[in-house]
Amino acid sequence: MNDLAPNHRIAIPLHVRWRRFQYQLIPVLTVVLCSLFAWRLWSQSPHVTILGQVDVESALVSSPAAGNVIAAGEARHQLYESVSKGELLAHVQASDGSEFEIAAPISGQIVKFHGSKGRHVAAGDPLFTIAADRGRHITTYVRADQRLQPEPGMPVDVQLRSDPSQTFHASVERIGPQYEPIPAAQLRDRKSEEWGLPVVISIPPEAVLKPGEFVYIAWRSNGAPATDSQSLGLR
């Protein structure tokens, strides 16, 4: 004969109740923590990362007067020889006997000779072309669908395409007035024409970038640059 009353319930031990609570709580906590983690990654990561290219800079050295070109010193400069800004390249001896010094306007390498030693040149004739040995600016293009509004002074992160471990901070220097065709080397799809707003980014002195080098430019939606440890994936 059953001595228990019809409505009597068996008491559940405390440790069993705690175990059931844990089973119900853990999935909820997992969802909440994952959501918080995803939000933090989203808030810290760059929202827009696009390709940019270091500008190629060269200087054409012309004769200041009519006369004969005279090499500077005993040795004549060679093709692809490195020269420093202000370095003496040649002289131009005018017909009245006066002599003019020709100095390198920028540091770089001589990539072309336009006049040879002893050659008579007129005022304004080209003598040398010098290509800069390092870049000073980066040009990138912002597409309309990227919903980015660049402004002068806006901070950006620059990551070397050749060495992703190297990242440095830079800023927007100036912005073009209108959308332009994007160069083929910076297209997302070489088969499709794209238009973008040109943005020029200054290169800090400590960043040595070769002219023509490709880099990744990353913006954050809140205007703060990403940290050096974050990877700038192309988007």
C-alpha atoms as a PDB file:
ATOM      1  CA  MET A   1       0.000   0.000   0.000  1.00  0.00           C
ATOM      2  CA  ASN A   2       1.360   3.452  -1.011  1.00  0.00           C
ATOM      3  CA  ASP A   3       1.539   5.723   2.034  1.00  0.00           C
ATOM      4  CA  LEU A   4       2.326   8.880  -0.098  1.00  0.00           C
ATOM      5  CA  ALA A   5      -0.391  11.466  -0.601  1.00  0.00           C
ATOM      6  CA  PRO A   6      -1.537  11.964  -4.208  1.00  0.00           C
ATOM      7  CA  ASN A   7      -0.018  15.528  -4.462  1.00  0.00           C
ATOM      8  CA  HIS A   8       3.201  14.818  -2.657  1.00  0.00           C
ATOM      9  CA  ARG A   9       6.360  15.679  -4.696  1.00  0.00           C
ATOM     10  CA  ILE A  10       9.728  14.130  -4.260  1.00  0.00           C
ATOM     11  CA  ALA A  11      12.298  16.772  -3.265  1.00  0.00           C
ATOM     12  CA  ILE A  12      15.038  17.372  -5.860  1.00  0.00           C
ATOM     13  CA  PRO A  13      18.521  17.487  -4.363  1.00  0.00           C
ATOM     14  CA  LEU A  14      20.258  20.860  -4.496  1.00  0.00           C
ATOM     15  CA  HIS A  15      23.206  19.631  -6.558  1.00  0.00           C
ATOM     16  CA  VAL A  16      20.810  18.309  -9.195  1.00  0.00           C
ATOM     17  CA  ARG A  17      19.031  21.643  -9.392  1.00  0.00           C
ATOM     18  CA  TRP A  18      22.365  23.454  -9.740  1.00  0.00           C
ATOM     19  CA  ARG A  19      23.403  21.102 -12.519  1.00  0.00           C
ATOM     20  CA  ARG A  20      20.146  21.766 -14.410  1.00  0.00           C
ATOM     21  CA  PHE A  21      20.638  25.515 -13.956  1.00  0.00           C
ATOM     22  CA  GLN A  22      24.115  25.245 -15.415  1.00  0.00           C
ATOM     23  CA  TYR A  23      22.821  23.320 -18.415  1.00  0.00           C
ATOM     24  CA  GLN A  24      20.295  26.087 -19.100  1.00  0.00           C
ATOM     25  CA  LEU A  25      22.644  28.980 -18.352  1.00  0.00           C
ATOM     26  CA  ILE A  26      25.721  27.930 -20.314  1.00  0.00           C
ATOM     27  CA  PRO A  27      24.117  28.139 -23.808  1.00  0.00           C
ATOM     28  CA  VAL A  28      22.715  31.586 -23.009  1.00  0.00           C
ATOM     29  CA  LEU A  29      26.074  32.832 -21.736  1.00  0.00           C
ATOM     30  CA  THR A  30      27.822  31.394 -24.762  1.00  0.00           C
ATOM     31  CA  VAL A  31      25.541  33.301 -27.149  1.00  0.00           C
ATOM     32  CA  VAL A  32      25.964  36.530 -25.190  1.00  0.00           C
ATOM     33  CA  LEU A  33      29.761  36.232 -24.995  1.00  0.00           C
ATOM     34  CA  CYS A  34      30.077  35.398 -28.694  1.00  0.00           C
ATOM     35  CA  SER A  35      27.931  38.395 -29.572  1.00  0.00           C
ATOM     36  CA  LEU A  36      30.056  40.690 -27.410  1.00  0.00           C
ATOM     37  CA  PHE A  37      33.258  39.297 -28.899  1.00  0.00           C
ATOM     38  CA  ALA A  38      31.971  39.770 -32.448  1.00  0.00           C
ATOM     39  CA  TRP A  39      30.900  43.323 -31.669  1.00  0.00           C
ATOM     40  CA  ARG A  40      34.322  44.137 -30.220  1.00  0.00           C
ATOM     41  CA  LEU A  41      36.103  42.771 -33.275  1.00  0.00           C
ATOM     42  CA  TRP A  42      33.777  44.746 -35.521  1.00  0.00           C
ATOM     43  CA  SER A  43      34.340  47.961 -33.585  1.00  0.00           C
ATOM     44  CA  GLN A  44      38.135  47.567 -33.528  1.00  0.00           C
ATOM     45  CA  SER A  45      38.747  46.360 -37.050  1.00  0.00           C
ATOM     46  CA  PRO A  46      39.093  48.611 -40.120  1.00  0.00           C
ATOM     47  CA  HIS A  47      35.805  48.972 -41.932  1.00  0.00           C
ATOM     48  CA  VAL A  48      37.309  49.910 -45.279  1.00  0.00           C
ATOM     49  CA  THR A  49      40.631  48.683 -46.635  1.00  0.00           C
ATOM     50  CA  ILE A  50      41.651  49.507 -50.196  1.00  0.00           C
ATOM     51  CA  LEU A  51      44.738  49.389 -52.362  1.00  0.00           C
ATOM     52  CA  GLY A  52      46.978  52.403 -52.832  1.00  0.00           C
ATOM     53  CA  GLN A  53      50.155  53.124 -54.739  1.00  0.00           C
ATOM     54  CA  VAL A  54      53.172  55.233 -53.833  1.00  0.00           C
ATOM     55  CA  ASP A  55      53.479  58.107 -56.285  1.00  0.00           C
ATOM     56  CA  VAL A  56      56.340  58.065 -58.777  1.00  0.00           C
ATOM     57  CA  GLU A  57      58.344  61.284 -58.692  1.00  0.00           C
ATOM     58  CA  SER A  58      60.965  62.428 -61.163  1.00  0.00           C
ATOM     59  CA  ALA A  59      62.742  65.701 -61.936  1.00  0.00           C
ATOM     60  CA  LEU A  60      63.863  67.018 -65.295  1.00  0.00           C
ATOM     61  CA  VAL A  61      67.089  69.011 -64.996  1.00  0.00           C
ATOM     62  CA  SER A  62      67.393  71.692 -67.683  1.00  0.00           C
ATOM     63  CA  SER A  63      70.155  74.034 -68.718  1.00  0.00           C
ATOM     64  CA  PRO A  64      69.848  77.531 -67.235  1.00  0.00           C
ATOM     65  CA  ALA A  65      71.676  79.114 -70.163  1.00  0.00           C
ATOM     66  CA  ALA A  66      73.024  78.455 -73.637  1.00  0.00           C
ATOM     67  CA  GLY A  67      76.521  77.001 -73.729  1.00  0.00           C
ATOM     68  CA  ASN A  68      78.598  73.828 -73.597  1.00  0.00           C
ATOM     69  CA  VAL A  69      77.995  71.046 -71.084  1.00  0.00           C
ATOM     70  CA  ILE A  70      81.024  70.247 -68.910  1.00  0.00           C
ATOM     71  CA  ALA A  71      81.148  67.234 -66.594  1.00  0.00           C
ATOM     72  CA  ALA A  72      81.531  67.939 -62.898  1.00  0.00           C
ATOM     73  CA  GLY A  73      85.022  66.891 -61.812  1.00  0.00           C
ATOM     74  CA  GLU A  74      87.072  64.156 -63.442  1.00  0.00           C
ATOM     75  CA  ALA A  75      84.422  61.437 -63.475  1.00  0.00           C
ATOM     76  CA  ARG A  76      81.212  61.655 -65.417  1.00  0.00           C
ATOM     77  CA  HIS A  77      77.995  60.520 -63.823  1.00  0.00           C
ATOM     78  CA  GLN A  78      76.678  57.132 -64.936  1.00  0.00           C
ATOM     79  CA  LEU A  79      73.203  55.882 -65.774  1.00  0.00           C
ATOM     80  CA  TYR A  80      71.309  54.730 -62.639  1.00  0.00           C
ATOM     81  CA  GLU A  81      73.923  56.316 -60.427  1.00  0.00           C
ATOM     82  CA  SER A  82      72.575  57.548 -57.096  1.00  0.00           C
ATOM     83  CA  VAL A  83      72.791  61.270 -56.442  1.00  0.00           C
ATOM     84  CA  SER A  84      71.852  63.438 -53.478  1.00  0.00           C
ATOM     85  CA  LYS A  85      69.802  66.602 -53.501  1.00  0.00           C
ATOM     86  CA  GLY A  86      72.120  69.538 -54.191  1.00  0.00           C
ATOM     87  CA  GLU A  87      74.907  67.345 -55.575  1.00  0.00           C
ATOM     88  CA  LEU A  88      76.817  68.918 -58.459  1.00  0.00           C
ATOM     89  CA  LEU A  89      76.069  67.147 -61.744  1.00  0.00           C
ATOM     90  CA  ALA A  90      77.661  69.317 -64.421  1.00  0.00           C
ATOM     91  CA  HIS A  91      78.544  72.827 -65.559  1.00  0.00           C
ATOM     92  CA  VAL A  92      77.289  74.823 -68.484  1.00  0.00           C
ATOM     93  CA  GLN A  93      79.882  77.212 -69.901  1.00  0.00           C
ATOM     94  CA  ALA A  94      78.244  80.089 -71.696  1.00  0.00           C
ATOM     95  CA  SER A  95      79.747  81.754 -74.796  1.00  0.00           C
ATOM     96  CA  ASP A  96      80.516  84.924 -72.742  1.00  0.00           C
ATOM     97  CA  GLY A  97      82.727  82.871 -70.439  1.00  0.00           C
ATOM     98  CA  SER A  98      80.356  82.651 -67.479  1.00  0.00           C
ATOM     99  CA  GLU A  99      79.779  79.238 -65.969  1.00  0.00           C
ATOM    100  CA  PHE A 100      76.621  77.805 -64.411  1.00  0.00           C
ATOM    101  CA  GLU A 101      76.469  74.892 -61.977  1.00  0.00           C
ATOM    102  CA  ILE A 102      73.868  72.165 -62.490  1.00  0.00           C
ATOM    103  CA  ALA A 103      72.815  70.502 -59.217  1.00  0.00           C
ATOM    104  CA  ALA A 104      70.416  67.642 -58.499  1.00  0.00           C
ATOM    105  CA  PRO A 105      67.030  69.050 -57.380  1.00  0.00           C
ATOM    106  CA  ILE A 106      66.068  65.808 -55.612  1.00  0.00           C
ATOM    107  CA  SER A 107      67.755  62.694 -54.231  1.00  0.00           C
ATOM    108  CA  GLY A 108      67.446  59.633 -56.427  1.00  0.00           C
ATOM    109  CA  GLN A 109      69.007  58.010 -59.470  1.00  0.00           C
ATOM    110  CA  ILE A 110      69.879  59.353 -62.890  1.00  0.00           C
ATOM    111  CA  VAL A 111      67.619  57.495 -65.313  1.00  0.00           C
ATOM    112  CA  LYS A 112      68.283  59.441 -68.497  1.00  0.00           C
ATOM    113  CA  PHE A 113      70.935  61.674 -70.066  1.00  0.00           C
ATOM    114  CA  HIS A 114      69.718  64.282 -72.529  1.00  0.00           C
ATOM    115  CA  GLY A 115      72.992  66.068 -73.172  1.00  0.00           C
ATOM    116  CA  SER A 116      76.571  64.758 -73.364  1.00  0.00           C
ATOM    117  CA  LYS A 117      79.855  66.343 -72.308  1.00  0.00           C
ATOM    118  CA  GLY A 118      80.911  69.116 -74.668  1.00  0.00           C
ATOM    119  CA  ARG A 119      77.520  69.303 -76.350  1.00  0.00           C
ATOM    120  CA  HIS A 120      76.159  72.760 -77.038  1.00  0.00           C
ATOM    121  CA  VAL A 121      72.752  73.332 -75.510  1.00  0.00           C
ATOM    122  CA  ALA A 122      70.252  76.157 -75.534  1.00  0.00           C
ATOM    123  CA  ALA A 123      68.702  77.673 -72.436  1.00  0.00           C
ATOM    124  CA  GLY A 124      65.977  75.330 -71.210  1.00  0.00           C
ATOM    125  CA  ASP A 125      67.278  72.222 -72.982  1.00  0.00           C
ATOM    126  CA  PRO A 126      66.941  69.059 -70.831  1.00  0.00           C
ATOM    127  CA  LEU A 127      70.167  67.583 -69.442  1.00  0.00           C
ATOM    128  CA  PHE A 128      69.220  64.854 -66.941  1.00  0.00           C
ATOM    129  CA  THR A 129      66.161  63.046 -65.639  1.00  0.00           C
ATOM    130  CA  ILE A 130      66.360  61.972 -62.004  1.00  0.00           C
ATOM    131  CA  ALA A 131      63.899  59.502 -60.443  1.00  0.00           C
ATOM    132  CA  ALA A 132      63.277  59.887 -56.706  1.00  0.00           C
ATOM    133  CA  ASP A 133      64.584  57.058 -54.519  1.00  0.00           C
ATOM    134  CA  ARG A 134      61.658  57.196 -52.070  1.00  0.00           C
ATOM    135  CA  GLY A 135      58.015  58.158 -52.188  1.00  0.00           C
ATOM    136  CA  ARG A 136      56.433  61.135 -50.456  1.00  0.00           C
ATOM    137  CA  HIS A 137      52.747  60.459 -51.124  1.00  0.00           C
ATOM    138  CA  ILE A 138      50.337  57.590 -51.681  1.00  0.00           C
ATOM    139  CA  THR A 139      47.366  57.876 -54.019  1.00  0.00           C
ATOM    140  CA  THR A 140      44.296  55.704 -53.561  1.00  0.00           C
ATOM    141  CA  TYR A 141      40.734  55.846 -54.869  1.00  0.00           C
ATOM    142  CA  VAL A 142      37.555  55.657 -52.790  1.00  0.00           C
ATOM    143  CA  ARG A 143      34.561  54.097 -54.541  1.00  0.00           C
ATOM    144  CA  ALA A 144      31.034  55.399 -53.995  1.00  0.00           C
ATOM    145  CA  ASP A 145      29.840  52.005 -52.711  1.00  0.00           C
ATOM    146  CA  GLN A 146      32.430  52.063 -49.913  1.00  0.00           C
ATOM    147  CA  ARG A 147      30.438  54.787 -48.137  1.00  0.00           C
ATOM    148  CA  LEU A 148      33.551  56.529 -46.938  1.00  0.00           C
ATOM    149  CA  GLN A 149      33.881  60.295 -46.678  1.00  0.00           C
ATOM    150  CA  PRO A 150      37.592  61.092 -46.524  1.00  0.00           C
ATOM    151  CA  GLU A 151      38.611  64.429 -45.056  1.00  0.00           C
ATOM    152  CA  PRO A 152      41.987  66.199 -44.829  1.00  0.00           C
ATOM    153  CA  GLY A 153      43.768  65.144 -41.664  1.00  0.00           C
ATOM    154  CA  MET A 154      41.827  61.883 -41.322  1.00  0.00           C
ATOM    155  CA  PRO A 155      44.100  59.191 -39.807  1.00  0.00           C
ATOM    156  CA  VAL A 156      44.722  55.989 -41.736  1.00  0.00           C
ATOM    157  CA  ASP A 157      46.853  52.891 -41.363  1.00  0.00           C
ATOM    158  CA  VAL A 158      49.214  51.857 -44.130  1.00  0.00           C
ATOM    159  CA  GLN A 159      50.381  48.278 -44.465  1.00  0.00           C
ATOM    160  CA  LEU A 160      53.086  47.193 -46.882  1.00  0.00           C
ATOM    161  CA  ARG A 161      51.835  44.749 -49.452  1.00  0.00           C
ATOM    162  CA  SER A 162      55.332  43.287 -49.762  1.00  0.00           C
ATOM    163  CA  ASP A 163      55.697  42.885 -45.979  1.00  0.00           C
ATOM    164  CA  PRO A 164      52.348  42.734 -44.089  1.00  0.00           C
ATOM    165  CA  SER A 165      54.172  42.837 -40.750  1.00  0.00           C
ATOM    166  CA  GLN A 166      55.073  46.488 -41.365  1.00  0.00           C
ATOM    167  CA  THR A 167      52.299  48.955 -40.577  1.00  0.00           C
ATOM    168  CA  PHE A 168      52.548  52.678 -39.927  1.00  0.00           C
ATOM    169  CA  HIS A 169      50.196  55.573 -39.259  1.00  0.00           C
ATOM    170  CA  ALA A 170      49.600  58.298 -41.843  1.00  0.00           C
ATOM    171  CA  SER A 171      46.943  60.867 -42.669  1.00  0.00           C
ATOM    172  CA  VAL A 172      44.947  62.192 -45.594  1.00  0.00           C
ATOM    173  CA  GLU A 173      46.646  65.241 -47.109  1.00  0.00           C
ATOM    174  CA  ARG A 174      44.256  66.223 -49.887  1.00  0.00           C
ATOM    175  CA  ILE A 175      41.275  64.945 -51.866  1.00  0.00           C
ATOM    176  CA  GLY A 176      40.421  65.277 -55.532  1.00  0.00           C
ATOM    177  CA  PRO A 177      37.402  67.385 -56.553  1.00  0.00           C
ATOM    178  CA  GLN A 178      35.674  64.718 -58.651  1.00  0.00           C
ATOM    179  CA  TYR A 179      35.483  61.009 -59.416  1.00  0.00           C
ATOM    180  CA  GLU A 180      38.063  59.741 -61.910  1.00  0.00           C
ATOM    181  CA  PRO A 181      38.783  56.458 -63.711  1.00  0.00           C
ATOM    182  CA  ILE A 182      40.781  54.226 -61.374  1.00  0.00           C
ATOM    183  CA  PRO A 183      44.144  53.043 -62.774  1.00  0.00           C
ATOM    184  CA  ALA A 184      44.164  49.437 -63.945  1.00  0.00           C
ATOM    185  CA  ALA A 185      46.665  48.393 -61.252  1.00  0.00           C
ATOM    186  CA  GLN A 186      44.223  49.405 -58.492  1.00  0.00           C
ATOM    187  CA  LEU A 187      41.038  47.889 -59.950  1.00  0.00           C
ATOM    188  CA  ARG A 188      39.259  45.211 -57.939  1.00  0.00           C
ATOM    189  CA  ASP A 189      38.473  43.459 -61.212  1.00  0.00           C
ATOM    190  CA  ARG A 190      40.762  44.147 -64.167  1.00  0.00           C
ATOM    191  CA  LYS A 191      37.879  43.407 -66.546  1.00  0.00           C
ATOM    192  CA  SER A 192      35.568  46.081 -65.121  1.00  0.00           C
ATOM    193  CA  GLU A 193      36.075  49.825 -65.269  1.00  0.00           C
ATOM    194  CA  GLU A 194      35.736  51.639 -61.938  1.00  0.00           C
ATOM    195  CA  TRP A 195      35.557  55.269 -60.903  1.00  0.00           C
ATOM    196  CA  GLY A 196      36.783  56.632 -57.595  1.00  0.00           C
ATOM    197  CA  LEU A 197      37.543  59.787 -55.663  1.00  0.00           C
ATOM    198  CA  PRO A 198      41.337  60.280 -55.605  1.00  0.00           C
ATOM    199  CA  VAL A 199      42.812  60.637 -52.129  1.00  0.00           C
ATOM    200  CA  VAL A 200      46.432  61.651 -51.499  1.00  0.00           C
ATOM    201  CA  ILE A 201      47.987  60.376 -48.271  1.00  0.00           C
ATOM    202  CA  SER A 202      51.194  61.768 -46.823  1.00  0.00           C
ATOM    203  CA  ILE A 203      54.017  59.375 -45.982  1.00  0.00           C
ATOM    204  CA  PRO A 204      55.725  59.972 -42.612  1.00  0.00           C
ATOM    205  CA  PRO A 205      59.530  60.391 -42.683  1.00  0.00           C
ATOM    206  CA  GLU A 206      60.144  57.106 -40.853  1.00  0.00           C
ATOM    207  CA  ALA A 207      58.365  55.076 -43.548  1.00  0.00           C
ATOM    208  CA  VAL A 208      60.711  54.344 -46.449  1.00  0.00           C
ATOM    209  CA  LEU A 209      58.544  53.389 -49.420  1.00  0.00           C
ATOM    210  CA  LYS A 210      59.726  52.901 -52.958  1.00  0.00           C
ATOM    211  CA  PRO A 211      57.990  54.875 -55.723  1.00  0.00           C
ATOM    212  CA  GLY A 212      55.415  52.697 -57.461  1.00  0.00           C
ATOM    213  CA  GLU A 213      55.087  50.330 -54.461  1.00  0.00           C
ATOM    214  CA  PHE A 214      51.595  49.054 -53.594  1.00  0.00           C
ATOM    215  CA  VAL A 215      50.211  49.303 -50.065  1.00  0.00           C
ATOM    216  CA  TYR A 216      46.939  48.705 -48.221  1.00  0.00           C
ATOM    217  CA  ILE A 217      45.119  51.730 -46.803  1.00  0.00           C
ATOM    218  CA  ALA A 218      42.725  51.150 -43.895  1.00  0.00           C
ATOM    219  CA  TRP A 219      40.146  53.546 -42.454  1.00  0.00           C
ATOM    220  CA  ARG A 220      38.061  53.085 -39.332  1.00  0.00           C
ATOM    221  CA  SER A 221      34.509  54.354 -39.197  1.00  0.00           C
ATOM    222  CA  ASN A 222      35.171  56.297 -36.007  1.00  0.00           C
ATOM    223  CA  GLY A 223      38.220  58.007 -37.485  1.00  0.00           C
ATOM    224  CA  ALA A 224      40.723  56.319 -35.166  1.00  0.00           C
ATOM    225  CA  PRO A 225      43.525  54.330 -36.814  1.00  0.00           C
ATOM    226  CA  ALA A 226      43.767  50.582 -36.347  1.00  0.00           C
ATOM    227  CA  THR A 227      46.508  49.210 -34.125  1.00  0.00           C
ATOM    228  CA  ASP A 228      49.775  47.883 -35.494  1.00  0.00           C
ATOM    229  CA  SER A 229      48.888  44.323 -34.501  1.00  0.00           C
ATOM    230  CA  GLN A 230      45.703  44.172 -36.532  1.00  0.00           C
ATOM    231  CA  SER A 231      45.688  42.638 -39.960  1.00  0.00           C
ATOM    232  CA  LEU A 232      44.404  44.849 -42.738  1.00  0.00           C
ATOM    233  CA  GLY A 233      42.481  42.496 -44.993  1.00  0.00           C
ATOM    234  CA  LEU A 234      41.578  43.843 -48.433  1.00  0.00           C
ATOM    235  CA  ARG A 235      37.876  44.673 -48.810  1.00  0.00           C
END
